[in-house]
Amino acid sequence: MSQQNTDQVRQQVRDSYARVAEAGDAGEGRGEASGCCGVSDETAINTLISTRLGYSSADLAAVPEGADMGLGCGNPRAIASLQPGEVVVDLGSGGGFDAFLASPEVGETGRVIGIDMTPTMISKARANAEKGAFANVEFRLGEIEHLPVADNAADVIISNCVINLSPDKPQVLREAFRVLRPGGRLAVSDVVAGTELPEDMRNDPALYAGCIAGAPLLDDLHEMLRAAGFRDIRVTPKDESRDFIKDWAPGRGVEDYVLSAHIEATKPTTPA
């Protein structure tokens, strides 16, 4: 992909998620941006969406109103095994939902850093953090291909249906590897493609912003992770996710090509 096309894709994704944040602040449905890693039925409530993704009622009650925007394709905390004192970086943190849920797990001695490239989302997340008094959570504006985080600073990287949106996924994974400490781990929920998408789907801007057209093939994802330096790679597709993915683009048959997966990997304690 050329630099010009890369920038166009990134800007389109940024615009789509800005509309989601602005619509949420205004108390409106997601409208034309409703395909952003979520259901396209505006009457569906975020609670229903998130419980389908693997969150509990207790999870939903633990975050400020407005933090759960019904976006995502899984629950990365379910595989993160967070511990007190750990530093967590959340790629594409949105309104702060997963960051806030990670906060009590790492405790007062730990820290959660959310990264998002959309200024409107960052503003929303910071307001939610203040509302919920999450003292160990901060949000930084930045692209996940160029993380505003120091080398070897994090114990865990989490992300929920965001890496697929990047036009340069290998760079995202290299950055994740860079900021992880030796022995650090990647715990991600994202969409993957079981087979090559048809050209009309791959080239559909709405499906790219909707977390479908940018889904990497399973074998390609394994290779990207290995090339970035990760080891102990485990990608676990979730067949049941097809039930909600079909709602992201009704009638398009996208559930025949992509599904949600848990993606886990570790940074070696010693150089390879």
C-alpha atoms as a PDB file:
ATOM      1  CA  MET A   1       0.000   0.000   0.000  1.00  0.00           C
ATOM      2  CA  SER A   2       1.382   3.402  -1.000  1.00  0.00           C
ATOM      3  CA  GLN A   3       1.953   6.140   1.568  1.00  0.00           C
ATOM      4  CA  GLN A   4      -0.877   8.142   0.044  1.00  0.00           C
ATOM      5  CA  ASN A   5      -3.303   5.227   0.324  1.00  0.00           C
ATOM      6  CA  THR A   6      -2.081   4.479   3.842  1.00  0.00           C
ATOM      7  CA  ASP A   7      -2.786   8.047   4.907  1.00  0.00           C
ATOM      8  CA  GLN A   8      -6.214   7.961   3.264  1.00  0.00           C
ATOM      9  CA  VAL A   9      -7.180   4.770   5.092  1.00  0.00           C
ATOM     10  CA  ARG A  10      -5.939   6.136   8.409  1.00  0.00           C
ATOM     11  CA  GLN A  11      -7.840   9.386   7.962  1.00  0.00           C
ATOM     12  CA  GLN A  12     -11.020   7.583   7.044  1.00  0.00           C
ATOM     13  CA  VAL A  13     -10.817   5.419  10.160  1.00  0.00           C
ATOM     14  CA  ARG A  14     -10.073   8.487  12.291  1.00  0.00           C
ATOM     15  CA  ASP A  15     -13.093  10.316  10.847  1.00  0.00           C
ATOM     16  CA  SER A  16     -15.383   7.328  11.367  1.00  0.00           C
ATOM     17  CA  TYR A  17     -14.491   6.955  15.030  1.00  0.00           C
ATOM     18  CA  ALA A  18     -14.676  10.693  15.629  1.00  0.00           C
ATOM     19  CA  ARG A  19     -18.284  10.525  14.423  1.00  0.00           C
ATOM     20  CA  VAL A  20     -18.955   7.635  16.814  1.00  0.00           C
ATOM     21  CA  ALA A  21     -17.576   9.642  19.757  1.00  0.00           C
ATOM     22  CA  GLU A  22     -19.441  12.801  18.771  1.00  0.00           C
ATOM     23  CA  ALA A  23     -22.707  10.916  18.313  1.00  0.00           C
ATOM     24  CA  GLY A  24     -22.261   9.324  21.738  1.00  0.00           C
ATOM     25  CA  ASP A  25     -21.634  12.687  23.375  1.00  0.00           C
ATOM     26  CA  ALA A  26     -24.765  14.044  21.742  1.00  0.00           C
ATOM     27  CA  GLY A  27     -26.812  11.062  22.879  1.00  0.00           C
ATOM     28  CA  GLU A  28     -27.511  10.005  19.322  1.00  0.00           C
ATOM     29  CA  GLY A  29     -27.272   6.661  17.517  1.00  0.00           C
ATOM     30  CA  ARG A  30     -24.101   5.857  15.629  1.00  0.00           C
ATOM     31  CA  GLY A  31     -25.748   6.485  12.254  1.00  0.00           C
ATOM     32  CA  GLU A  32     -23.394   6.211   9.293  1.00  0.00           C
ATOM     33  CA  ALA A  33     -20.516   5.219  11.566  1.00  0.00           C
ATOM     34  CA  SER A  34     -22.448   2.307  13.032  1.00  0.00           C
ATOM     35  CA  GLY A  35     -20.264  -0.256  11.299  1.00  0.00           C
ATOM     36  CA  CYS A  36     -17.265   0.550  13.507  1.00  0.00           C
ATOM     37  CA  CYS A  37     -16.595  -2.847  15.076  1.00  0.00           C
ATOM     38  CA  GLY A  38     -20.136  -2.999  16.353  1.00  0.00           C
ATOM     39  CA  VAL A  39     -23.659  -3.840  15.319  1.00  0.00           C
ATOM     40  CA  SER A  40     -25.376  -1.748  12.693  1.00  0.00           C
ATOM     41  CA  ASP A  41     -28.809  -1.711  14.351  1.00  0.00           C
ATOM     42  CA  GLU A  42     -29.090   1.648  16.114  1.00  0.00           C
ATOM     43  CA  THR A  43     -31.789   0.298  18.441  1.00  0.00           C
ATOM     44  CA  ALA A  44     -29.382  -2.212  19.966  1.00  0.00           C
ATOM     45  CA  ILE A  45     -28.074  -1.065  23.339  1.00  0.00           C
ATOM     46  CA  ASN A  46     -24.385  -1.166  24.225  1.00  0.00           C
ATOM     47  CA  THR A  47     -25.037  -3.455  27.175  1.00  0.00           C
ATOM     48  CA  LEU A  48     -26.360  -6.150  24.862  1.00  0.00           C
ATOM     49  CA  ILE A  49     -23.462  -5.710  22.469  1.00  0.00           C
ATOM     50  CA  SER A  50     -20.814  -5.952  25.187  1.00  0.00           C
ATOM     51  CA  THR A  51     -22.309  -9.004  26.878  1.00  0.00           C
ATOM     52  CA  ARG A  52     -22.227 -10.730  23.501  1.00  0.00           C
ATOM     53  CA  LEU A  53     -18.507  -9.909  23.358  1.00  0.00           C
ATOM     54  CA  GLY A  54     -17.786 -11.605  26.692  1.00  0.00           C
ATOM     55  CA  TYR A  55     -18.142  -8.857  29.282  1.00  0.00           C
ATOM     56  CA  SER A  56     -20.127  -9.395  32.471  1.00  0.00           C
ATOM     57  CA  SER A  57     -22.799  -7.200  34.027  1.00  0.00           C
ATOM     58  CA  ALA A  58     -20.292  -6.395  36.773  1.00  0.00           C
ATOM     59  CA  ASP A  59     -17.821  -5.169  34.133  1.00  0.00           C
ATOM     60  CA  LEU A  60     -20.415  -2.843  32.651  1.00  0.00           C
ATOM     61  CA  ALA A  61     -21.375  -1.475  36.064  1.00  0.00           C
ATOM     62  CA  ALA A  62     -17.739  -0.769  36.983  1.00  0.00           C
ATOM     63  CA  VAL A  63     -17.084   1.913  34.344  1.00  0.00           C
ATOM     64  CA  PRO A  64     -18.443   5.455  33.969  1.00  0.00           C
ATOM     65  CA  GLU A  65     -21.504   5.940  31.809  1.00  0.00           C
ATOM     66  CA  GLY A  66     -20.367   6.528  28.239  1.00  0.00           C
ATOM     67  CA  ALA A  67     -17.147   4.524  28.513  1.00  0.00           C
ATOM     68  CA  ASP A  68     -18.745   1.405  27.009  1.00  0.00           C
ATOM     69  CA  MET A  69     -19.518   2.414  23.452  1.00  0.00           C
ATOM     70  CA  GLY A  70     -20.417  -1.063  22.202  1.00  0.00           C
ATOM     71  CA  LEU A  71     -17.261  -1.254  20.075  1.00  0.00           C
ATOM     72  CA  GLY A  72     -15.001  -4.272  19.871  1.00  0.00           C
ATOM     73  CA  CYS A  73     -15.004  -7.952  19.005  1.00  0.00           C
ATOM     74  CA  GLY A  74     -14.081  -9.629  22.292  1.00  0.00           C
ATOM     75  CA  ASN A  75     -12.739  -9.136  25.798  1.00  0.00           C
ATOM     76  CA  PRO A  76      -8.917  -8.938  25.836  1.00  0.00           C
ATOM     77  CA  ARG A  77      -8.789  -8.912  29.643  1.00  0.00           C
ATOM     78  CA  ALA A  78     -10.093 -12.470  29.610  1.00  0.00           C
ATOM     79  CA  ILE A  79      -6.674 -13.603  28.351  1.00  0.00           C
ATOM     80  CA  ALA A  80      -4.429 -10.866  29.791  1.00  0.00           C
ATOM     81  CA  SER A  81      -4.091 -12.291  33.349  1.00  0.00           C
ATOM     82  CA  LEU A  82      -3.299  -8.826  34.694  1.00  0.00           C
ATOM     83  CA  GLN A  83      -1.420  -8.603  37.994  1.00  0.00           C
ATOM     84  CA  PRO A  84      -1.037  -5.864  40.639  1.00  0.00           C
ATOM     85  CA  GLY A  85       1.769  -3.443  39.793  1.00  0.00           C
ATOM     86  CA  GLU A  86       1.819  -4.112  36.063  1.00  0.00           C
ATOM     87  CA  VAL A  87       1.923  -1.425  33.383  1.00  0.00           C
ATOM     88  CA  VAL A  88      -0.682  -1.973  30.669  1.00  0.00           C
ATOM     89  CA  VAL A  89      -0.885  -0.229  27.303  1.00  0.00           C
ATOM     90  CA  ASP A  90      -4.266  -0.297  25.548  1.00  0.00           C
ATOM     91  CA  LEU A  91      -3.995   0.184  21.776  1.00  0.00           C
ATOM     92  CA  GLY A  92      -6.969   2.092  20.385  1.00  0.00           C
ATOM     93  CA  SER A  93      -8.483   2.803  23.783  1.00  0.00           C
ATOM     94  CA  GLY A  94     -11.593   4.626  22.524  1.00  0.00           C
ATOM     95  CA  GLY A  95     -13.797   5.822  25.385  1.00  0.00           C
ATOM     96  CA  GLY A  96     -11.613   4.000  27.900  1.00  0.00           C
ATOM     97  CA  PHE A  97     -13.735   0.909  28.562  1.00  0.00           C
ATOM     98  CA  ASP A  98     -10.979  -1.741  28.665  1.00  0.00           C
ATOM     99  CA  ALA A  99      -8.513   0.651  30.307  1.00  0.00           C
ATOM    100  CA  PHE A 100     -10.922   1.296  33.168  1.00  0.00           C
ATOM    101  CA  LEU A 101     -11.574  -2.419  33.642  1.00  0.00           C
ATOM    102  CA  ALA A 102      -7.813  -3.031  33.782  1.00  0.00           C
ATOM    103  CA  SER A 103      -7.339  -0.298  36.393  1.00  0.00           C
ATOM    104  CA  PRO A 104      -8.399  -2.198  39.559  1.00  0.00           C
ATOM    105  CA  GLU A 105      -6.594  -5.337  38.399  1.00  0.00           C
ATOM    106  CA  VAL A 106      -3.200  -3.614  38.296  1.00  0.00           C
ATOM    107  CA  GLY A 107      -4.044  -1.631  41.419  1.00  0.00           C
ATOM    108  CA  GLU A 108      -2.551   1.524  42.882  1.00  0.00           C
ATOM    109  CA  THR A 109       0.995   0.379  42.120  1.00  0.00           C
ATOM    110  CA  GLY A 110       0.151  -0.341  38.496  1.00  0.00           C
ATOM    111  CA  ARG A 111      -0.639   1.911  35.584  1.00  0.00           C
ATOM    112  CA  VAL A 112      -2.804   1.839  32.456  1.00  0.00           C
ATOM    113  CA  ILE A 113      -1.961   3.913  29.376  1.00  0.00           C
ATOM    114  CA  GLY A 114      -4.586   4.240  26.658  1.00  0.00           C
ATOM    115  CA  ILE A 115      -3.515   5.257  23.136  1.00  0.00           C
ATOM    116  CA  ASP A 116      -5.928   6.574  20.529  1.00  0.00           C
ATOM    117  CA  MET A 117      -5.415   8.588  17.336  1.00  0.00           C
ATOM    118  CA  THR A 118      -8.777  10.355  17.521  1.00  0.00           C
ATOM    119  CA  PRO A 119      -8.727  13.609  19.541  1.00  0.00           C
ATOM    120  CA  THR A 120     -12.467  13.367  20.224  1.00  0.00           C
ATOM    121  CA  MET A 121     -12.038   9.887  21.710  1.00  0.00           C
ATOM    122  CA  ILE A 122      -9.110  11.034  23.860  1.00  0.00           C
ATOM    123  CA  SER A 123     -11.190  13.913  25.222  1.00  0.00           C
ATOM    124  CA  LYS A 124     -14.066  11.550  25.936  1.00  0.00           C
ATOM    125  CA  ALA A 125     -11.814   9.022  27.682  1.00  0.00           C
ATOM    126  CA  ARG A 126     -10.127  11.679  29.826  1.00  0.00           C
ATOM    127  CA  ALA A 127     -13.513  13.024  30.891  1.00  0.00           C
ATOM    128  CA  ASN A 128     -14.601   9.486  31.780  1.00  0.00           C
ATOM    129  CA  ALA A 129     -11.417   8.946  33.796  1.00  0.00           C
ATOM    130  CA  GLU A 130     -12.073  12.094  35.786  1.00  0.00           C
ATOM    131  CA  LYS A 131     -15.703  11.125  36.274  1.00  0.00           C
ATOM    132  CA  GLY A 132     -14.727   7.693  37.590  1.00  0.00           C
ATOM    133  CA  ALA A 133     -11.672   8.888  39.576  1.00  0.00           C
ATOM    134  CA  PHE A 134      -9.309   6.461  37.848  1.00  0.00           C
ATOM    135  CA  ALA A 135      -6.040   7.850  39.186  1.00  0.00           C
ATOM    136  CA  ASN A 136      -3.835   5.150  37.641  1.00  0.00           C
ATOM    137  CA  VAL A 137      -5.178   5.564  34.077  1.00  0.00           C
ATOM    138  CA  GLU A 138      -4.004   8.092  31.481  1.00  0.00           C
ATOM    139  CA  PHE A 139      -4.758   8.617  27.815  1.00  0.00           C
ATOM    140  CA  ARG A 140      -2.304   9.738  25.146  1.00  0.00           C
ATOM    141  CA  LEU A 141      -3.008  10.930  21.618  1.00  0.00           C
ATOM    142  CA  GLY A 142      -1.039   8.938  19.067  1.00  0.00           C
ATOM    143  CA  GLU A 143      -1.065   6.392  16.290  1.00  0.00           C
ATOM    144  CA  ILE A 144      -0.582   2.744  17.159  1.00  0.00           C
ATOM    145  CA  GLU A 145       2.062   2.556  14.416  1.00  0.00           C
ATOM    146  CA  HIS A 146       4.088   5.152  16.360  1.00  0.00           C
ATOM    147  CA  LEU A 147       3.322   4.687  20.033  1.00  0.00           C
ATOM    148  CA  PRO A 148       4.018   7.582  22.407  1.00  0.00           C
ATOM    149  CA  VAL A 149       5.485   5.132  24.905  1.00  0.00           C
ATOM    150  CA  ALA A 150       9.131   4.505  25.874  1.00  0.00           C
ATOM    151  CA  ASP A 151      11.054   1.326  25.059  1.00  0.00           C
ATOM    152  CA  ASN A 152      10.592  -1.597  27.474  1.00  0.00           C
ATOM    153  CA  ALA A 153       7.941   0.292  29.446  1.00  0.00           C
ATOM    154  CA  ALA A 154       4.969  -2.106  29.508  1.00  0.00           C
ATOM    155  CA  ASP A 155       4.264  -5.520  30.973  1.00  0.00           C
ATOM    156  CA  VAL A 156       1.124  -6.138  28.908  1.00  0.00           C
ATOM    157  CA  ILE A 157      -0.388  -4.773  25.715  1.00  0.00           C
ATOM    158  CA  ILE A 158      -4.111  -5.170  25.222  1.00  0.00           C
ATOM    159  CA  SER A 159      -6.286  -4.140  22.285  1.00  0.00           C
ATOM    160  CA  ASN A 160      -9.846  -4.729  21.178  1.00  0.00           C
ATOM    161  CA  CYS A 161     -10.587  -4.896  17.450  1.00  0.00           C
ATOM    162  CA  VAL A 162      -8.172  -2.114  16.483  1.00  0.00           C
ATOM    163  CA  ILE A 163      -5.037  -3.606  14.900  1.00  0.00           C
ATOM    164  CA  ASN A 164      -7.082  -4.753  11.895  1.00  0.00           C
ATOM    165  CA  LEU A 165      -7.839  -1.076  11.195  1.00  0.00           C
ATOM    166  CA  SER A 166      -4.191  -0.200  10.674  1.00  0.00           C
ATOM    167  CA  PRO A 167      -2.924  -0.035   7.086  1.00  0.00           C
ATOM    168  CA  ASP A 168       0.520  -1.099   8.404  1.00  0.00           C
ATOM    169  CA  LYS A 169      -0.035  -3.997  10.791  1.00  0.00           C
ATOM    170  CA  PRO A 170       3.605  -5.196  10.806  1.00  0.00           C
ATOM    171  CA  GLN A 171       4.625  -1.751  12.084  1.00  0.00           C
ATOM    172  CA  VAL A 172       1.985  -1.919  14.831  1.00  0.00           C
ATOM    173  CA  LEU A 173       3.373  -5.248  16.007  1.00  0.00           C
ATOM    174  CA  ARG A 174       6.959  -3.981  15.873  1.00  0.00           C
ATOM    175  CA  GLU A 175       5.921  -1.044  18.036  1.00  0.00           C
ATOM    176  CA  ALA A 176       4.135  -3.353  20.476  1.00  0.00           C
ATOM    177  CA  PHE A 177       7.289  -5.449  20.723  1.00  0.00           C
ATOM    178  CA  ARG A 178       9.413  -2.331  21.295  1.00  0.00           C
ATOM    179  CA  VAL A 179       7.409  -1.003  24.228  1.00  0.00           C
ATOM    180  CA  LEU A 180       7.045  -4.368  25.960  1.00  0.00           C
ATOM    181  CA  ARG A 181       9.594  -5.346  28.573  1.00  0.00           C
ATOM    182  CA  PRO A 182      11.425  -8.656  28.095  1.00  0.00           C
ATOM    183  CA  GLY A 183       8.945 -11.311  29.151  1.00  0.00           C
ATOM    184  CA  GLY A 184       6.039  -8.955  28.440  1.00  0.00           C
ATOM    185  CA  ARG A 185       2.938 -10.246  26.744  1.00  0.00           C
ATOM    186  CA  LEU A 186       0.449  -9.341  24.059  1.00  0.00           C
ATOM    187  CA  ALA A 187      -3.236 -10.046  24.791  1.00  0.00           C
ATOM    188  CA  VAL A 188      -5.487  -8.909  21.951  1.00  0.00           C
ATOM    189  CA  SER A 189      -8.997  -9.492  20.669  1.00  0.00           C
ATOM    190  CA  ASP A 190      -9.227  -8.809  16.951  1.00  0.00           C
ATOM    191  CA  VAL A 191     -10.743 -10.025  13.722  1.00  0.00           C
ATOM    192  CA  VAL A 192      -8.924 -12.375  11.384  1.00  0.00           C
ATOM    193  CA  ALA A 193      -9.743 -13.744   7.950  1.00  0.00           C
ATOM    194  CA  GLY A 194     -10.040 -17.471   7.489  1.00  0.00           C
ATOM    195  CA  THR A 195      -9.928 -17.061   3.724  1.00  0.00           C
ATOM    196  CA  GLU A 196      -9.181 -14.282   1.244  1.00  0.00           C
ATOM    197  CA  LEU A 197     -11.945 -11.666   1.094  1.00  0.00           C
ATOM    198  CA  PRO A 198     -13.519 -10.921  -2.302  1.00  0.00           C
ATOM    199  CA  GLU A 199     -12.118  -7.836  -4.025  1.00  0.00           C
ATOM    200  CA  ASP A 200     -15.341  -5.854  -3.590  1.00  0.00           C
ATOM    201  CA  MET A 201     -15.129  -6.361   0.190  1.00  0.00           C
ATOM    202  CA  ARG A 202     -11.388  -5.619   0.417  1.00  0.00           C
ATOM    203  CA  ASN A 203     -11.875  -2.339  -1.452  1.00  0.00           C
ATOM    204  CA  ASP A 204     -14.969  -1.169   0.411  1.00  0.00           C
ATOM    205  CA  PRO A 205     -14.040   1.820   2.636  1.00  0.00           C
ATOM    206  CA  ALA A 206     -17.047   1.246   4.902  1.00  0.00           C
ATOM    207  CA  LEU A 207     -16.012  -2.365   5.507  1.00  0.00           C
ATOM    208  CA  TYR A 208     -12.458  -1.246   6.303  1.00  0.00           C
ATOM    209  CA  ALA A 209     -13.670   1.201   8.954  1.00  0.00           C
ATOM    210  CA  GLY A 210     -16.061  -1.550  10.053  1.00  0.00           C
ATOM    211  CA  CYS A 211     -13.239  -3.935  11.042  1.00  0.00           C
ATOM    212  CA  ILE A 212     -13.795  -6.353   8.164  1.00  0.00           C
ATOM    213  CA  ALA A 213     -11.833  -5.452   5.038  1.00  0.00           C
ATOM    214  CA  GLY A 214      -8.565  -5.010   6.965  1.00  0.00           C
ATOM    215  CA  ALA A 215      -8.677  -8.373   8.732  1.00  0.00           C
ATOM    216  CA  PRO A 216      -5.389 -10.242   8.146  1.00  0.00           C
ATOM    217  CA  LEU A 217      -5.263 -13.853   7.035  1.00  0.00           C
ATOM    218  CA  LEU A 218      -4.387 -16.226   9.881  1.00  0.00           C
ATOM    219  CA  ASP A 219      -1.098 -17.351   8.315  1.00  0.00           C
ATOM    220  CA  ASP A 220      -0.118 -13.758   7.543  1.00  0.00           C
ATOM    221  CA  LEU A 221      -0.803 -12.710  11.129  1.00  0.00           C
ATOM    222  CA  HIS A 222       1.386 -15.519  12.486  1.00  0.00           C
ATOM    223  CA  GLU A 223       4.198 -14.412  10.196  1.00  0.00           C
ATOM    224  CA  MET A 224       3.827 -10.741  11.188  1.00  0.00           C
ATOM    225  CA  LEU A 225       4.070 -11.664  14.859  1.00  0.00           C
ATOM    226  CA  ARG A 226       7.126 -13.861  14.291  1.00  0.00           C
ATOM    227  CA  ALA A 227       8.811 -11.193  12.173  1.00  0.00           C
ATOM    228  CA  ALA A 228       8.236  -8.606  14.916  1.00  0.00           C
ATOM    229  CA  GLY A 229      10.104 -10.857  17.353  1.00  0.00           C
ATOM    230  CA  PHE A 230       7.256 -12.432  19.307  1.00  0.00           C
ATOM    231  CA  ARG A 231       7.303 -16.020  20.508  1.00  0.00           C
ATOM    232  CA  ASP A 232       4.747 -18.398  22.098  1.00  0.00           C
ATOM    233  CA  ILE A 233       2.231 -17.179  19.536  1.00  0.00           C
ATOM    234  CA  ARG A 234      -1.339 -18.389  19.958  1.00  0.00           C
ATOM    235  CA  VAL A 235      -4.210 -17.284  17.730  1.00  0.00           C
ATOM    236  CA  THR A 236      -7.536 -18.786  18.784  1.00  0.00           C
ATOM    237  CA  PRO A 237     -10.451 -18.054  16.418  1.00  0.00           C
ATOM    238  CA  LYS A 238     -13.913 -17.900  17.969  1.00  0.00           C
ATOM    239  CA  ASP A 239     -16.455 -19.518  15.665  1.00  0.00           C
ATOM    240  CA  GLU A 240     -19.337 -18.199  17.772  1.00  0.00           C
ATOM    241  CA  SER A 241     -18.310 -14.647  16.884  1.00  0.00           C
ATOM    242  CA  ARG A 242     -19.877 -15.084  13.454  1.00  0.00           C
ATOM    243  CA  ASP A 243     -23.246 -14.545  15.174  1.00  0.00           C
ATOM    244  CA  PHE A 244     -22.479 -10.898  15.913  1.00  0.00           C
ATOM    245  CA  ILE A 245     -20.104 -10.197  13.022  1.00  0.00           C
ATOM    246  CA  LYS A 246     -22.920 -10.775  10.551  1.00  0.00           C
ATOM    247  CA  ASP A 247     -24.679  -7.772  12.132  1.00  0.00           C
ATOM    248  CA  TRP A 248     -21.770  -5.459  11.239  1.00  0.00           C
ATOM    249  CA  ALA A 249     -22.726  -5.561   7.542  1.00  0.00           C
ATOM    250  CA  PRO A 250     -26.153  -7.187   7.238  1.00  0.00           C
ATOM    251  CA  GLY A 251     -26.722  -9.141   4.071  1.00  0.00           C
ATOM    252  CA  ARG A 252     -23.083  -8.982   2.902  1.00  0.00           C
ATOM    253  CA  GLY A 253     -22.078 -12.438   4.127  1.00  0.00           C
ATOM    254  CA  VAL A 254     -18.966 -11.117   5.885  1.00  0.00           C
ATOM    255  CA  GLU A 255     -19.309 -13.791   8.571  1.00  0.00           C
ATOM    256  CA  ASP A 256     -18.245 -16.348   5.951  1.00  0.00           C
ATOM    257  CA  TYR A 257     -14.819 -14.725   5.736  1.00  0.00           C
ATOM    258  CA  VAL A 258     -13.868 -13.177   9.084  1.00  0.00           C
ATOM    259  CA  LEU A 259     -14.261 -13.974  12.754  1.00  0.00           C
ATOM    260  CA  SER A 260     -12.993 -12.764  16.094  1.00  0.00           C
ATOM    261  CA  ALA A 261      -9.907 -14.316  17.665  1.00  0.00           C
ATOM    262  CA  HIS A 262      -7.849 -14.169  20.833  1.00  0.00           C
ATOM    263  CA  ILE A 263      -4.257 -13.306  19.921  1.00  0.00           C
ATOM    264  CA  GLU A 264      -1.516 -14.010  22.476  1.00  0.00           C
ATOM    265  CA  ALA A 265       2.264 -13.777  22.267  1.00  0.00           C
ATOM    266  CA  THR A 266       5.272 -12.960  24.445  1.00  0.00           C
ATOM    267  CA  LYS A 267       8.475 -10.973  24.076  1.00  0.00           C
ATOM    268  CA  PRO A 268      11.456 -13.229  24.803  1.00  0.00           C
ATOM    269  CA  THR A 269      13.406 -12.553  27.987  1.00  0.00           C
ATOM    270  CA  THR A 270      16.637 -12.821  26.007  1.00  0.00           C
ATOM    271  CA  PRO A 271      17.364 -11.720  22.427  1.00  0.00           C
ATOM    272  CA  ALA A 272      16.729 -14.379  19.790  1.00  0.00           C
END
